[in-house]
Amino acid sequence: QGGNLYRRSPYVVSAAMQFDARLASMPALFARTRWLYQELRTHPLLRPNPAEPQANLLHIHLPVSRERANEIRDAIALEHGIWLFGAAQSDPLPEACHFECYVGDSLLNLPDERVREILALLSDALER
């Protein structure tokens, strides 16, 4: 069994190095999350949960069914080349769903104006 640990040690070292880098990026990711919350306030149909940022992960609740949210996601992907989320999940309330939003490197490095455009695309589609 000791041989297995020895063979896996490069993976352990790599994971430890990545952990330190990810840990160092957390303040920037959380600052970006706070910025995203501010932007979401301009789009009342996009409701974040929790109501205030606690980590760089949140759920965004939408006032449409899961099926409709996924249709909107697919249409935006086809028309604009933007993949918004994996799969919307149904909420207990009718005609309501949510998706998980992880603020990681992609969102951290996306220009502010582009994020605003994407939020507007989603919000506008929900109004139709």
C-alpha atoms as a PDB file:
ATOM      1  CA  GLN A   1       0.000   0.000   0.000  1.00  0.00           C
ATOM      2  CA  GLY A   2       2.856   2.380   0.629  1.00  0.00           C
ATOM      3  CA  GLY A   3       3.759   2.047  -3.057  1.00  0.00           C
ATOM      4  CA  ASN A   4       0.386   3.479  -4.047  1.00  0.00           C
ATOM      5  CA  LEU A   5       1.043   6.595  -1.988  1.00  0.00           C
ATOM      6  CA  TYR A   6       4.501   6.976  -3.514  1.00  0.00           C
ATOM      7  CA  ARG A   7       3.107   6.704  -7.052  1.00  0.00           C
ATOM      8  CA  ARG A   8       0.414   9.236  -6.249  1.00  0.00           C
ATOM      9  CA  SER A   9       2.722  11.751  -4.588  1.00  0.00           C
ATOM     10  CA  PRO A  10       3.054  13.942  -7.732  1.00  0.00           C
ATOM     11  CA  TYR A  11      -0.741  14.293  -7.701  1.00  0.00           C
ATOM     12  CA  VAL A  12      -0.703  15.197  -4.026  1.00  0.00           C
ATOM     13  CA  VAL A  13       1.962  17.862  -4.598  1.00  0.00           C
ATOM     14  CA  SER A  14       0.079  19.236  -7.602  1.00  0.00           C
ATOM     15  CA  ALA A  15      -3.180  19.385  -5.656  1.00  0.00           C
ATOM     16  CA  ALA A  16      -1.455  21.161  -2.770  1.00  0.00           C
ATOM     17  CA  MET A  17       0.038  23.743  -5.144  1.00  0.00           C
ATOM     18  CA  GLN A  18      -3.336  24.324  -6.797  1.00  0.00           C
ATOM     19  CA  PHE A  19      -4.979  24.619  -3.389  1.00  0.00           C
ATOM     20  CA  ASP A  20      -2.632  27.451  -2.411  1.00  0.00           C
ATOM     21  CA  ALA A  21      -3.291  29.246  -5.702  1.00  0.00           C
ATOM     22  CA  ARG A  22      -7.070  28.837  -5.345  1.00  0.00           C
ATOM     23  CA  LEU A  23      -6.927  30.033  -1.758  1.00  0.00           C
ATOM     24  CA  ALA A  24      -4.975  33.117  -2.827  1.00  0.00           C
ATOM     25  CA  SER A  25      -7.620  33.939  -5.462  1.00  0.00           C
ATOM     26  CA  MET A  26     -10.549  33.824  -3.012  1.00  0.00           C
ATOM     27  CA  PRO A  27     -10.526  37.550  -2.084  1.00  0.00           C
ATOM     28  CA  ALA A  28     -10.732  38.535  -5.765  1.00  0.00           C
ATOM     29  CA  LEU A  29     -13.478  35.986  -6.408  1.00  0.00           C
ATOM     30  CA  PHE A  30     -15.487  37.234  -3.448  1.00  0.00           C
ATOM     31  CA  ALA A  31     -15.065  40.861  -4.558  1.00  0.00           C
ATOM     32  CA  ARG A  32     -16.346  39.851  -8.004  1.00  0.00           C
ATOM     33  CA  THR A  33     -19.279  38.082  -6.350  1.00  0.00           C
ATOM     34  CA  ARG A  34     -20.176  41.259  -4.469  1.00  0.00           C
ATOM     35  CA  TRP A  35     -19.977  43.188  -7.744  1.00  0.00           C
ATOM     36  CA  LEU A  36     -22.287  40.619  -9.392  1.00  0.00           C
ATOM     37  CA  TYR A  37     -24.849  41.081  -6.617  1.00  0.00           C
ATOM     38  CA  GLN A  38     -24.833  44.832  -7.286  1.00  0.00           C
ATOM     39  CA  GLU A  39     -25.443  44.192 -10.983  1.00  0.00           C
ATOM     40  CA  LEU A  40     -28.240  41.733 -10.231  1.00  0.00           C
ATOM     41  CA  ARG A  41     -30.098  44.493  -8.377  1.00  0.00           C
ATOM     42  CA  THR A  42     -30.702  46.196 -11.710  1.00  0.00           C
ATOM     43  CA  HIS A  43     -32.504  43.053 -12.942  1.00  0.00           C
ATOM     44  CA  PRO A  44     -35.364  42.291 -10.522  1.00  0.00           C
ATOM     45  CA  LEU A  45     -36.328  39.108 -12.388  1.00  0.00           C
ATOM     46  CA  LEU A  46     -32.914  37.626 -11.498  1.00  0.00           C
ATOM     47  CA  ARG A  47     -33.102  37.029  -7.747  1.00  0.00           C
ATOM     48  CA  PRO A  48     -29.971  35.811  -5.974  1.00  0.00           C
ATOM     49  CA  ASN A  49     -30.042  33.449  -3.021  1.00  0.00           C
ATOM     50  CA  PRO A  50     -28.688  34.024  -0.468  1.00  0.00           C
ATOM     51  CA  ALA A  51     -29.849  37.648  -0.499  1.00  0.00           C
ATOM     52  CA  GLU A  52     -26.333  38.890   0.310  1.00  0.00           C
ATOM     53  CA  PRO A  53     -23.055  37.278  -0.809  1.00  0.00           C
ATOM     54  CA  GLN A  54     -21.568  34.743   1.572  1.00  0.00           C
ATOM     55  CA  ALA A  55     -19.253  32.892  -0.809  1.00  0.00           C
ATOM     56  CA  ASN A  56     -18.478  32.867  -4.520  1.00  0.00           C
ATOM     57  CA  LEU A  57     -21.399  30.531  -5.162  1.00  0.00           C
ATOM     58  CA  LEU A  58     -25.058  31.482  -5.333  1.00  0.00           C
ATOM     59  CA  HIS A  59     -28.360  30.435  -6.830  1.00  0.00           C
ATOM     60  CA  ILE A  60     -30.179  32.725  -9.211  1.00  0.00           C
ATOM     61  CA  HIS A  61     -33.952  32.304  -9.089  1.00  0.00           C
ATOM     62  CA  LEU A  62     -36.087  32.964 -12.156  1.00  0.00           C
ATOM     63  CA  PRO A  63     -39.866  33.519 -12.459  1.00  0.00           C
ATOM     64  CA  VAL A  64     -40.346  30.811 -15.104  1.00  0.00           C
ATOM     65  CA  SER A  65     -40.551  27.039 -15.173  1.00  0.00           C
ATOM     66  CA  ARG A  66     -37.418  24.933 -15.363  1.00  0.00           C
ATOM     67  CA  GLU A  67     -38.335  23.968 -18.925  1.00  0.00           C
ATOM     68  CA  ARG A  68     -38.754  27.597 -19.993  1.00  0.00           C
ATOM     69  CA  ALA A  69     -35.465  28.623 -18.357  1.00  0.00           C
ATOM     70  CA  ASN A  70     -33.635  25.868 -20.217  1.00  0.00           C
ATOM     71  CA  GLU A  71     -35.292  26.965 -23.495  1.00  0.00           C
ATOM     72  CA  ILE A  72     -34.117  30.533 -22.878  1.00  0.00           C
ATOM     73  CA  ARG A  73     -30.617  29.266 -22.060  1.00  0.00           C
ATOM     74  CA  ASP A  74     -30.517  27.264 -25.288  1.00  0.00           C
ATOM     75  CA  ALA A  75     -31.802  30.162 -27.415  1.00  0.00           C
ATOM     76  CA  ILE A  76     -29.191  32.550 -25.998  1.00  0.00           C
ATOM     77  CA  ALA A  77     -26.495  29.937 -26.582  1.00  0.00           C
ATOM     78  CA  LEU A  78     -27.530  29.504 -30.233  1.00  0.00           C
ATOM     79  CA  GLU A  79     -27.991  33.184 -30.986  1.00  0.00           C
ATOM     80  CA  HIS A  80     -25.165  34.704 -28.943  1.00  0.00           C
ATOM     81  CA  GLY A  81     -22.740  31.846 -28.231  1.00  0.00           C
ATOM     82  CA  ILE A  82     -23.143  32.282 -24.463  1.00  0.00           C
ATOM     83  CA  TRP A  83     -23.684  29.305 -22.179  1.00  0.00           C
ATOM     84  CA  LEU A  84     -25.462  30.676 -19.108  1.00  0.00           C
ATOM     85  CA  PHE A  85     -25.876  27.635 -16.875  1.00  0.00           C
ATOM     86  CA  GLY A  86     -26.016  23.855 -16.854  1.00  0.00           C
ATOM     87  CA  ALA A  87     -29.609  22.950 -16.074  1.00  0.00           C
ATOM     88  CA  ALA A  88     -32.205  24.942 -14.209  1.00  0.00           C
ATOM     89  CA  GLN A  89     -33.751  23.229 -11.218  1.00  0.00           C
ATOM     90  CA  SER A  90     -37.433  23.452 -10.298  1.00  0.00           C
ATOM     91  CA  ASP A  91     -38.423  25.471  -7.247  1.00  0.00           C
ATOM     92  CA  PRO A  92     -41.266  24.446  -4.934  1.00  0.00           C
ATOM     93  CA  LEU A  93     -43.357  27.351  -6.223  1.00  0.00           C
ATOM     94  CA  PRO A  94     -45.031  26.955  -9.615  1.00  0.00           C
ATOM     95  CA  GLU A  95     -43.420  28.753 -12.543  1.00  0.00           C
ATOM     96  CA  ALA A  96     -40.197  29.258 -10.636  1.00  0.00           C
ATOM     97  CA  CYS A  97     -36.746  27.725 -10.943  1.00  0.00           C
ATOM     98  CA  HIS A  98     -33.118  28.431 -10.166  1.00  0.00           C
ATOM     99  CA  PHE A  99     -29.635  27.693 -11.373  1.00  0.00           C
ATOM    100  CA  GLU A 100     -26.282  27.629  -9.646  1.00  0.00           C
ATOM    101  CA  CYS A 101     -23.835  30.425 -10.388  1.00  0.00           C
ATOM    102  CA  TYR A 102     -20.197  29.867  -9.498  1.00  0.00           C
ATOM    103  CA  VAL A 103     -17.994  32.945  -9.625  1.00  0.00           C
ATOM    104  CA  GLY A 104     -14.715  31.500 -10.817  1.00  0.00           C
ATOM    105  CA  ASP A 105     -11.907  32.475 -13.159  1.00  0.00           C
ATOM    106  CA  SER A 106     -14.173  32.871 -16.197  1.00  0.00           C
ATOM    107  CA  LEU A 107     -16.488  35.376 -14.544  1.00  0.00           C
ATOM    108  CA  LEU A 108     -13.569  37.031 -12.763  1.00  0.00           C
ATOM    109  CA  ASN A 109     -11.863  37.735 -16.093  1.00  0.00           C
ATOM    110  CA  LEU A 110     -14.954  38.640 -18.129  1.00  0.00           C
ATOM    111  CA  PRO A 111     -15.163  42.397 -18.756  1.00  0.00           C
ATOM    112  CA  ASP A 112     -17.803  44.170 -16.663  1.00  0.00           C
ATOM    113  CA  GLU A 113     -19.689  45.423 -19.710  1.00  0.00           C
ATOM    114  CA  ARG A 114     -19.909  41.895 -21.124  1.00  0.00           C
ATOM    115  CA  VAL A 115     -21.390  40.598 -17.865  1.00  0.00           C
ATOM    116  CA  ARG A 116     -23.924  43.433 -17.963  1.00  0.00           C
ATOM    117  CA  GLU A 117     -24.860  42.511 -21.545  1.00  0.00           C
ATOM    118  CA  ILE A 118     -25.342  38.867 -20.577  1.00  0.00           C
ATOM    119  CA  LEU A 119     -27.522  39.723 -17.585  1.00  0.00           C
ATOM    120  CA  ALA A 120     -29.607  42.009 -19.808  1.00  0.00           C
ATOM    121  CA  LEU A 121     -30.037  39.240 -22.409  1.00  0.00           C
ATOM    122  CA  LEU A 122     -31.341  36.856 -19.781  1.00  0.00           C
ATOM    123  CA  SER A 123     -33.551  39.448 -18.104  1.00  0.00           C
ATOM    124  CA  ASP A 124     -35.030  40.573 -21.435  1.00  0.00           C
ATOM    125  CA  ALA A 125     -35.773  36.979 -22.431  1.00  0.00           C
ATOM    126  CA  LEU A 126     -37.614  36.429 -19.145  1.00  0.00           C
ATOM    127  CA  GLU A 127     -39.852  39.415 -19.856  1.00  0.00           C
ATOM    128  CA  ARG A 128     -41.066  37.972 -23.176  1.00  0.00           C
END
